[in-house]
Amino acid sequence: MGELALSLIGTGNAFAPGGLCWNGFVANGSVLFEAPPQALMALNRLGIGVDDIETVVISHHHGDHFLGLPFLLLQWKYLGRTRPVRIVGPRDTEAIARQVCERTYPTVFDSPVAIEWVEARAGEGLQLGALRLEPVEVKHDTKLVANFGYHAELGGRRFAYTGDSALCEGVLDLARGAEVLVSECSSRADRHDTHMNLVDDMPAVRAAMGAEAELVLTHIDAGVDTGGLARTRVAEDFATYRF
């Protein structure tokens, strides 16, 4: 098994608390989880080749997870990408992207770059080149078409990502069996029915994980720390963690 490298393009929740960038990360330099508004800037700052991104994985359609996609499409159209790119997300991901771009960059889909749009469905595994994904339904915004976390395997390493969610069976399922879990932790102690916090929820998440598994907290506010939890770290903007 090889190294798993997770590069954080941002770690903040929707309110960008304390100037944190919105949450998202790149796995092994090729798979982008979420497309927050600053995604293109962050990839450039981290020195990750924008054209090296093979797959973009979207958990849900809130703007802090999605509205960087037009800028990625713009780069790929005008700055020389030739390889196809794959975009995975809940139903209507392509339709929403086209609606946004029609009002902002109307010709961005008139591009030589082939886009494969892949609809994620809960419980249905996807083999996407070297990446294996399994979408898991989580508890977030019921007005959206779907809210997913993902089991993932890349380079023989098993990791998982919660997306945005309250504590639920889906989150605990993601925690079980992952070598590394990237989990939202939107506040230290605020209680919401759509998000998790450090004090009430993270101990249950950590308990569901294997003793040697690593927990990475993201989608945070400035008050989040490790809470003394074993093998847990609070992600930082533009940091790369290697496992």
Foldseek 3Di string as FASTA:
>chain_A
DDKWKKWWQWFAAPVCAPVTQQTWIDIPLAETEFQAQCNVVSCVVLVRDLLSHAEYEAQFPPRRRQVNVVVSLQCCFPVDRQEEHEYEYAPCNVVVVQVVCCVPPNCSVVGNHHYHYHHADAQDWDDDPQKIKHWHFAAADPVTPTGTKIWMAHPNATEIEGGWHEDDVRLLVRQEPHLEYEYEAAEADDDDHTHHHNPPPVVVSLVSHDPNHAYEYGNYHPHDANNPRPNYGYDGNRDMDMD
